[in-house]
Amino acid sequence: MKVTEHFRRSRLADDRKWLKMEWIEHTITNPVDEFVQADGRIRRWGTVPELNGRYLRVVLLPDGETVMTAFLDRRFRP
């Protein structure tokens, strides 16, 4: 999986360092929703069963494969 330097730095934050890469990969390949932003970045949401079905948002660069950021999205409603 390709990632940006921003993603590498953000993984050091206490609220994100415990996110598992397999959850991110699962969200990328099996999203429950997707939105393409005006700048071409792609938002994908997926559920994390280990976290009682909470939603993970993964933002990809316009190439559709490079992860820019990932975090639990408390405001997402399918």
PDB file of N, CA and C in Angstrom:
ATOM      1  N   MET A   1       0.852  -1.171   0.000  1.00  0.00           N
ATOM      2  CA  MET A   1       0.000   0.000   0.000  1.00  0.00           C
ATOM      3  C   MET A   1       0.899   1.235   0.000  1.00  0.00           C
ATOM      4  N   LYS A   2       0.602   2.173  -0.887  1.00  0.00           N
ATOM      5  CA  LYS A   2       1.360   3.420  -0.936  1.00  0.00           C
ATOM      6  C   LYS A   2       0.734   4.419   0.033  1.00  0.00           C
ATOM      7  N   VAL A   3       1.588   5.189   0.700  1.00  0.00           N
ATOM      8  CA  VAL A   3       1.117   6.196   1.652  1.00  0.00           C
ATOM      9  C   VAL A   3       1.916   7.484   1.467  1.00  0.00           C
ATOM     10  N   THR A   4       1.319   8.594   1.877  1.00  0.00           N
ATOM     11  CA  THR A   4       2.000   9.885   1.818  1.00  0.00           C
ATOM     12  C   THR A   4       2.821  10.098   3.087  1.00  0.00           C
ATOM     13  N   GLU A   5       3.703  11.073   3.037  1.00  0.00           N
ATOM     14  CA  GLU A   5       4.470  11.450   4.220  1.00  0.00           C
ATOM     15  C   GLU A   5       3.527  11.967   5.309  1.00  0.00           C
ATOM     16  N   HIS A   6       2.480  12.673   4.898  1.00  0.00           N
ATOM     17  CA  HIS A   6       1.461  13.157   5.847  1.00  0.00           C
ATOM     18  C   HIS A   6       0.875  11.981   6.630  1.00  0.00           C
ATOM     19  N   PHE A   7       0.555  10.906   5.937  1.00  0.00           N
ATOM     20  CA  PHE A   7      -0.001   9.719   6.589  1.00  0.00           C
ATOM     21  C   PHE A   7       1.008   9.141   7.582  1.00  0.00           C
ATOM     22  N   ARG A   8       2.247   9.031   7.177  1.00  0.00           N
ATOM     23  CA  ARG A   8       3.276   8.499   8.078  1.00  0.00           C
ATOM     24  C   ARG A   8       3.376   9.323   9.369  1.00  0.00           C
ATOM     25  N   ARG A   9       3.361  10.648   9.225  1.00  0.00           N
ATOM     26  CA  ARG A   9       3.441  11.524  10.409  1.00  0.00           C
ATOM     27  C   ARG A   9       2.187  11.411  11.266  1.00  0.00           C
ATOM     28  N   SER A  10       1.013  11.358  10.625  1.00  0.00           N
ATOM     29  CA  SER A  10      -0.236  11.309  11.394  1.00  0.00           C
ATOM     30  C   SER A  10      -0.374  10.007  12.171  1.00  0.00           C
ATOM     31  N   ARG A  11       0.280   8.933  11.715  1.00  0.00           N
ATOM     32  CA  ARG A  11       0.225   7.649  12.425  1.00  0.00           C
ATOM     33  C   ARG A  11       0.937   7.713  13.769  1.00  0.00           C
ATOM     34  N   LEU A  12       1.707   8.752  14.023  1.00  0.00           N
ATOM     35  CA  LEU A  12       2.398   8.907  15.302  1.00  0.00           C
ATOM     36  C   LEU A  12       1.494   9.482  16.387  1.00  0.00           C
ATOM     37  N   ALA A  13       0.372  10.082  15.988  1.00  0.00           N
ATOM     38  CA  ALA A  13      -0.550  10.697  16.946  1.00  0.00           C
ATOM     39  C   ALA A  13      -1.232   9.611  17.778  1.00  0.00           C
ATOM     40  N   ASP A  14      -1.448   9.894  19.058  1.00  0.00           N
ATOM     41  CA  ASP A  14      -2.051   8.917  19.962  1.00  0.00           C
ATOM     42  C   ASP A  14      -3.413   8.420  19.488  1.00  0.00           C
ATOM     43  N   ASP A  15      -4.183   9.299  18.858  1.00  0.00           N
ATOM     44  CA  ASP A  15      -5.523   8.893  18.431  1.00  0.00           C
ATOM     45  C   ASP A  15      -5.531   8.102  17.124  1.00  0.00           C
ATOM     46  N   ARG A  16      -4.366   7.887  16.499  1.00  0.00           N
ATOM     47  CA  ARG A  16      -4.326   7.153  15.236  1.00  0.00           C
ATOM     48  C   ARG A  16      -3.312   6.017  15.185  1.00  0.00           C
ATOM     49  N   LYS A  17      -2.349   6.000  16.080  1.00  0.00           N
ATOM     50  CA  LYS A  17      -1.281   5.012  15.958  1.00  0.00           C
ATOM     51  C   LYS A  17      -1.754   3.581  16.166  1.00  0.00           C
ATOM     52  N   TRP A  18      -2.896   3.385  16.768  1.00  0.00           N
ATOM     53  CA  TRP A  18      -3.423   2.041  17.008  1.00  0.00           C
ATOM     54  C   TRP A  18      -4.297   1.531  15.857  1.00  0.00           C
ATOM     55  N   LEU A  19      -4.563   2.384  14.848  1.00  0.00           N
ATOM     56  CA  LEU A  19      -5.345   1.931  13.696  1.00  0.00           C
ATOM     57  C   LEU A  19      -4.543   0.869  12.937  1.00  0.00           C
ATOM     58  N   LYS A  20      -5.179  -0.236  12.671  1.00  0.00           N
ATOM     59  CA  LYS A  20      -4.492  -1.336  11.998  1.00  0.00           C
ATOM     60  C   LYS A  20      -4.512  -1.143  10.485  1.00  0.00           C
ATOM     61  N   MET A  21      -3.392  -1.453   9.873  1.00  0.00           N
ATOM     62  CA  MET A  21      -3.286  -1.320   8.417  1.00  0.00           C
ATOM     63  C   MET A  21      -4.289  -2.219   7.707  1.00  0.00           C
ATOM     64  N   GLU A  22      -4.616  -3.363   8.289  1.00  0.00           N
ATOM     65  CA  GLU A  22      -5.594  -4.250   7.651  1.00  0.00           C
ATOM     66  C   GLU A  22      -6.979  -3.618   7.615  1.00  0.00           C
ATOM     67  N   TRP A  23      -7.320  -2.789   8.619  1.00  0.00           N
ATOM     68  CA  TRP A  23      -8.598  -2.075   8.588  1.00  0.00           C
ATOM     69  C   TRP A  23      -8.609  -1.067   7.445  1.00  0.00           C
ATOM     70  N   ILE A  24      -7.483  -0.396   7.257  1.00  0.00           N
ATOM     71  CA  ILE A  24      -7.374   0.594   6.179  1.00  0.00           C
ATOM     72  C   ILE A  24      -7.476  -0.101   4.828  1.00  0.00           C
ATOM     73  N   GLU A  25      -6.761  -1.194   4.661  1.00  0.00           N
ATOM     74  CA  GLU A  25      -6.821  -1.943   3.402  1.00  0.00           C
ATOM     75  C   GLU A  25      -8.232  -2.456   3.128  1.00  0.00           C
ATOM     76  N   HIS A  26      -8.899  -2.948   4.169  1.00  0.00           N
ATOM     77  CA  HIS A  26     -10.271  -3.451   4.004  1.00  0.00           C
ATOM     78  C   HIS A  26     -11.216  -2.329   3.568  1.00  0.00           C
ATOM     79  N   THR A  27     -11.061  -1.164   4.165  1.00  0.00           N
ATOM     80  CA  THR A  27     -11.903  -0.017   3.800  1.00  0.00           C
ATOM     81  C   THR A  27     -11.662   0.397   2.353  1.00  0.00           C
ATOM     82  N   ILE A  28     -10.421   0.367   1.912  1.00  0.00           N
ATOM     83  CA  ILE A  28     -10.108   0.740   0.530  1.00  0.00           C
ATOM     84  C   ILE A  28     -10.745  -0.232  -0.450  1.00  0.00           C
ATOM     85  N   THR A  29     -10.676  -1.516  -0.161  1.00  0.00           N
ATOM     86  CA  THR A  29     -11.174  -2.524  -1.108  1.00  0.00           C
ATOM     87  C   THR A  29     -12.643  -2.857  -0.949  1.00  0.00           C
ATOM     88  N   ASN A  30     -13.231  -2.565   0.224  1.00  0.00           N
ATOM     89  CA  ASN A  30     -14.637  -2.896   0.488  1.00  0.00           C
ATOM     90  C   ASN A  30     -15.377  -1.730   1.132  1.00  0.00           C
ATOM     91  N   PRO A  31     -15.404  -0.568   0.490  1.00  0.00           N
ATOM     92  CA  PRO A  31     -16.049   0.584   1.136  1.00  0.00           C
ATOM     93  C   PRO A  31     -17.567   0.426   1.208  1.00  0.00           C
ATOM     94  N   VAL A  32     -18.146   0.995   2.263  1.00  0.00           N
ATOM     95  CA  VAL A  32     -19.606   1.054   2.350  1.00  0.00           C
ATOM     96  C   VAL A  32     -20.124   2.324   1.683  1.00  0.00           C
ATOM     97  N   ASP A  33     -19.232   3.300   1.478  1.00  0.00           N
ATOM     98  CA  ASP A  33     -19.590   4.539   0.785  1.00  0.00           C
ATOM     99  C   ASP A  33     -18.315   5.170   0.236  1.00  0.00           C
ATOM    100  N   GLU A  34     -18.489   6.000  -0.781  1.00  0.00           N
ATOM    101  CA  GLU A  34     -17.357   6.681  -1.407  1.00  0.00           C
ATOM    102  C   GLU A  34     -17.814   8.048  -1.895  1.00  0.00           C
ATOM    103  N   PHE A  35     -16.916   9.018  -1.797  1.00  0.00           N
ATOM    104  CA  PHE A  35     -17.198  10.375  -2.267  1.00  0.00           C
ATOM    105  C   PHE A  35     -15.922  10.932  -2.883  1.00  0.00           C
ATOM    106  N   VAL A  36     -16.026  11.473  -4.090  1.00  0.00           N
ATOM    107  CA  VAL A  36     -14.881  12.101  -4.743  1.00  0.00           C
ATOM    108  C   VAL A  36     -14.989  13.607  -4.506  1.00  0.00           C
ATOM    109  N   GLN A  37     -13.966  14.172  -3.872  1.00  0.00           N
ATOM    110  CA  GLN A  37     -13.933  15.598  -3.573  1.00  0.00           C
ATOM    111  C   GLN A  37     -13.631  16.395  -4.838  1.00  0.00           C
ATOM    112  N   ALA A  38     -13.874  17.693  -4.790  1.00  0.00           N
ATOM    113  CA  ALA A  38     -13.616  18.575  -5.926  1.00  0.00           C
ATOM    114  C   ALA A  38     -12.147  18.556  -6.347  1.00  0.00           C
ATOM    115  N   ASP A  39     -11.238  18.315  -5.398  1.00  0.00           N
ATOM    116  CA  ASP A  39      -9.810  18.282  -5.717  1.00  0.00           C
ATOM    117  C   ASP A  39      -9.352  16.912  -6.224  1.00  0.00           C
ATOM    118  N   GLY A  40     -10.282  15.967  -6.367  1.00  0.00           N
ATOM    119  CA  GLY A  40      -9.967  14.646  -6.891  1.00  0.00           C
ATOM    120  C   GLY A  40      -9.658  13.605  -5.836  1.00  0.00           C
ATOM    121  N   ARG A  41      -9.454  14.037  -4.598  1.00  0.00           N
ATOM    122  CA  ARG A  41      -9.204  13.057  -3.533  1.00  0.00           C
ATOM    123  C   ARG A  41     -10.466  12.224  -3.314  1.00  0.00           C
ATOM    124  N   ILE A  42     -10.257  11.003  -2.873  1.00  0.00           N
ATOM    125  CA  ILE A  42     -11.353  10.047  -2.732  1.00  0.00           C
ATOM    126  C   ILE A  42     -11.515   9.682  -1.265  1.00  0.00           C
ATOM    127  N   ARG A  43     -12.725   9.880  -0.755  1.00  0.00           N
ATOM    128  CA  ARG A  43     -13.038   9.475   0.612  1.00  0.00           C
ATOM    129  C   ARG A  43     -13.751   8.126   0.536  1.00  0.00           C
ATOM    130  N   ARG A  44     -13.288   7.176   1.340  1.00  0.00           N
ATOM    131  CA  ARG A  44     -13.962   5.882   1.438  1.00  0.00           C
ATOM    132  C   ARG A  44     -14.189   5.572   2.908  1.00  0.00           C
ATOM    133  N   TRP A  45     -15.380   5.044   3.197  1.00  0.00           N
ATOM    134  CA  TRP A  45     -15.733   4.668   4.551  1.00  0.00           C
ATOM    135  C   TRP A  45     -15.937   3.168   4.622  1.00  0.00           C
ATOM    136  N   GLY A  46     -15.555   2.594   5.740  1.00  0.00           N
ATOM    137  CA  GLY A  46     -15.767   1.176   5.983  1.00  0.00           C
ATOM    138  C   GLY A  46     -15.997   0.937   7.459  1.00  0.00           C
ATOM    139  N   THR A  47     -16.636  -0.178   7.773  1.00  0.00           N
ATOM    140  CA  THR A  47     -16.865  -0.515   9.172  1.00  0.00           C
ATOM    141  C   THR A  47     -15.703  -1.335   9.711  1.00  0.00           C
ATOM    142  N   VAL A  48     -15.506  -1.208  11.022  1.00  0.00           N
ATOM    143  CA  VAL A  48     -14.462  -1.970  11.707  1.00  0.00           C
ATOM    144  C   VAL A  48     -15.163  -2.845  12.743  1.00  0.00           C
ATOM    145  N   PRO A  49     -15.387  -4.126  12.424  1.00  0.00           N
ATOM    146  CA  PRO A  49     -16.094  -5.005  13.358  1.00  0.00           C
ATOM    147  C   PRO A  49     -15.455  -5.073  14.745  1.00  0.00           C
ATOM    148  N   GLU A  50     -14.119  -5.026  14.814  1.00  0.00           N
ATOM    149  CA  GLU A  50     -13.431  -5.080  16.104  1.00  0.00           C
ATOM    150  C   GLU A  50     -13.718  -3.859  16.972  1.00  0.00           C
ATOM    151  N   LEU A  51     -14.256  -2.819  16.374  1.00  0.00           N
ATOM    152  CA  LEU A  51     -14.590  -1.599  17.120  1.00  0.00           C
ATOM    153  C   LEU A  51     -16.096  -1.382  17.139  1.00  0.00           C
ATOM    154  N   ASN A  52     -16.829  -2.473  17.246  1.00  0.00           N
ATOM    155  CA  ASN A  52     -18.297  -2.433  17.316  1.00  0.00           C
ATOM    156  C   ASN A  52     -18.926  -1.763  16.108  1.00  0.00           C
ATOM    157  N   GLY A  53     -18.322  -1.954  14.942  1.00  0.00           N
ATOM    158  CA  GLY A  53     -18.901  -1.431  13.709  1.00  0.00           C
ATOM    159  C   GLY A  53     -18.714   0.054  13.487  1.00  0.00           C
ATOM    160  N   ARG A  54     -17.819   0.687  14.222  1.00  0.00           N
ATOM    161  CA  ARG A  54     -17.559   2.117  13.991  1.00  0.00           C
ATOM    162  C   ARG A  54     -16.997   2.299  12.587  1.00  0.00           C
ATOM    163  N   TYR A  55     -17.111   3.516  12.073  1.00  0.00           N
ATOM    164  CA  TYR A  55     -16.709   3.796  10.697  1.00  0.00           C
ATOM    165  C   TYR A  55     -15.317   4.409  10.622  1.00  0.00           C
ATOM    166  N   LEU A  56     -14.539   3.859   9.701  1.00  0.00           N
ATOM    167  CA  LEU A  56     -13.209   4.367   9.407  1.00  0.00           C
ATOM    168  C   LEU A  56     -13.283   5.124   8.088  1.00  0.00           C
ATOM    169  N   ARG A  57     -12.743   6.344   8.061  1.00  0.00           N
ATOM    170  CA  ARG A  57     -12.644   7.097   6.801  1.00  0.00           C
ATOM    171  C   ARG A  57     -11.200   7.035   6.332  1.00  0.00           C
ATOM    172  N   VAL A  58     -11.034   6.669   5.072  1.00  0.00           N
ATOM    173  CA  VAL A  58      -9.718   6.652   4.443  1.00  0.00           C
ATOM    174  C   VAL A  58      -9.779   7.625   3.276  1.00  0.00           C
ATOM    175  N   VAL A  59      -8.838   8.552   3.229  1.00  0.00           N
ATOM    176  CA  VAL A  59      -8.771   9.521   2.130  1.00  0.00           C
ATOM    177  C   VAL A  59      -7.593   9.138   1.245  1.00  0.00           C
ATOM    178  N   LEU A  60      -7.900   8.921  -0.039  1.00  0.00           N
ATOM    179  CA  LEU A  60      -6.898   8.547  -1.030  1.00  0.00           C
ATOM    180  C   LEU A  60      -6.598   9.721  -1.944  1.00  0.00           C
ATOM    181  N   LEU A  61      -5.390   9.760  -2.469  1.00  0.00           N
ATOM    182  CA  LEU A  61      -5.056  10.757  -3.485  1.00  0.00           C
ATOM    183  C   LEU A  61      -5.815  10.414  -4.758  1.00  0.00           C
ATOM    184  N   PRO A  62      -5.876  11.325  -5.725  1.00  0.00           N
ATOM    185  CA  PRO A  62      -6.633  11.071  -6.954  1.00  0.00           C
ATOM    186  C   PRO A  62      -6.217   9.808  -7.718  1.00  0.00           C
ATOM    187  N   ASP A  63      -5.020   9.271  -7.432  1.00  0.00           N
ATOM    188  CA  ASP A  63      -4.617   8.034  -8.115  1.00  0.00           C
ATOM    189  C   ASP A  63      -5.414   6.822  -7.638  1.00  0.00           C
ATOM    190  N   GLY A  64      -6.175   6.982  -6.532  1.00  0.00           N
ATOM    191  CA  GLY A  64      -7.028   5.916  -6.030  1.00  0.00           C
ATOM    192  C   GLY A  64      -6.319   4.828  -5.259  1.00  0.00           C
ATOM    193  N   GLU A  65      -5.011   4.984  -5.023  1.00  0.00           N
ATOM    194  CA  GLU A  65      -4.293   3.943  -4.286  1.00  0.00           C
ATOM    195  C   GLU A  65      -3.357   4.455  -3.197  1.00  0.00           C
ATOM    196  N   THR A  66      -3.036   5.738  -3.195  1.00  0.00           N
ATOM    197  CA  THR A  66      -2.132   6.292  -2.186  1.00  0.00           C
ATOM    198  C   THR A  66      -2.948   6.867  -1.032  1.00  0.00           C
ATOM    199  N   VAL A  67      -2.701   6.363   0.177  1.00  0.00           N
ATOM    200  CA  VAL A  67      -3.430   6.800   1.368  1.00  0.00           C
ATOM    201  C   VAL A  67      -2.857   8.116   1.867  1.00  0.00           C
ATOM    202  N   MET A  68      -3.741   9.114   1.999  1.00  0.00           N
ATOM    203  CA  MET A  68      -3.332  10.406   2.544  1.00  0.00           C
ATOM    204  C   MET A  68      -3.579  10.456   4.047  1.00  0.00           C
ATOM    205  N   THR A  69      -4.743   9.938   4.483  1.00  0.00           N
ATOM    206  CA  THR A  69      -5.068   9.932   5.904  1.00  0.00           C
ATOM    207  C   THR A  69      -6.125   8.873   6.176  1.00  0.00           C
ATOM    208  N   ALA A  70      -6.246   8.505   7.442  1.00  0.00           N
ATOM    209  CA  ALA A  70      -7.262   7.552   7.886  1.00  0.00           C
ATOM    210  C   ALA A  70      -7.587   7.850   9.340  1.00  0.00           C
ATOM    211  N   PHE A  71      -8.879   7.806   9.664  1.00  0.00           N
ATOM    212  CA  PHE A  71      -9.303   8.082  11.034  1.00  0.00           C
ATOM    213  C   PHE A  71     -10.725   7.586  11.246  1.00  0.00           C
ATOM    214  N   LEU A  72     -11.110   7.396  12.507  1.00  0.00           N
ATOM    215  CA  LEU A  72     -12.478   7.033  12.820  1.00  0.00           C
ATOM    216  C   LEU A  72     -13.347   8.259  12.623  1.00  0.00           C
ATOM    217  N   ASP A  73     -14.440   8.086  11.904  1.00  0.00           N
ATOM    218  CA  ASP A  73     -15.315   9.205  11.554  1.00  0.00           C
ATOM    219  C   ASP A  73     -16.601   9.101  12.368  1.00  0.00           C
ATOM    220  N   ARG A  74     -16.676   9.847  13.429  1.00  0.00           N
ATOM    221  CA  ARG A  74     -17.848   9.801  14.321  1.00  0.00           C
ATOM    222  C   ARG A  74     -19.088  10.420  13.704  1.00  0.00           C
ATOM    223  N   ARG A  75     -18.927  11.268  12.700  1.00  0.00           N
ATOM    224  CA  ARG A  75     -20.081  11.960  12.112  1.00  0.00           C
ATOM    225  C   ARG A  75     -20.682  11.233  10.909  1.00  0.00           C
ATOM    226  N   PHE A  76     -20.004  10.206  10.396  1.00  0.00           N
ATOM    227  CA  PHE A  76     -20.494   9.519   9.204  1.00  0.00           C
ATOM    228  C   PHE A  76     -21.765   8.743   9.517  1.00  0.00           C
ATOM    229  N   ARG A  77     -22.755   8.903   8.641  1.00  0.00           N
ATOM    230  CA  ARG A  77     -24.010   8.138   8.713  1.00  0.00           C
ATOM    231  C   ARG A  77     -24.273   7.591   7.315  1.00  0.00           C
ATOM    232  N   PRO A  78     -24.389   6.263   7.210  1.00  0.00           N
ATOM    233  CA  PRO A  78     -24.629   5.670   5.868  1.00  0.00           C
ATOM    234  C   PRO A  78     -25.987   6.015   5.307  1.00  0.00           C
TER     235      PRO A  78
END
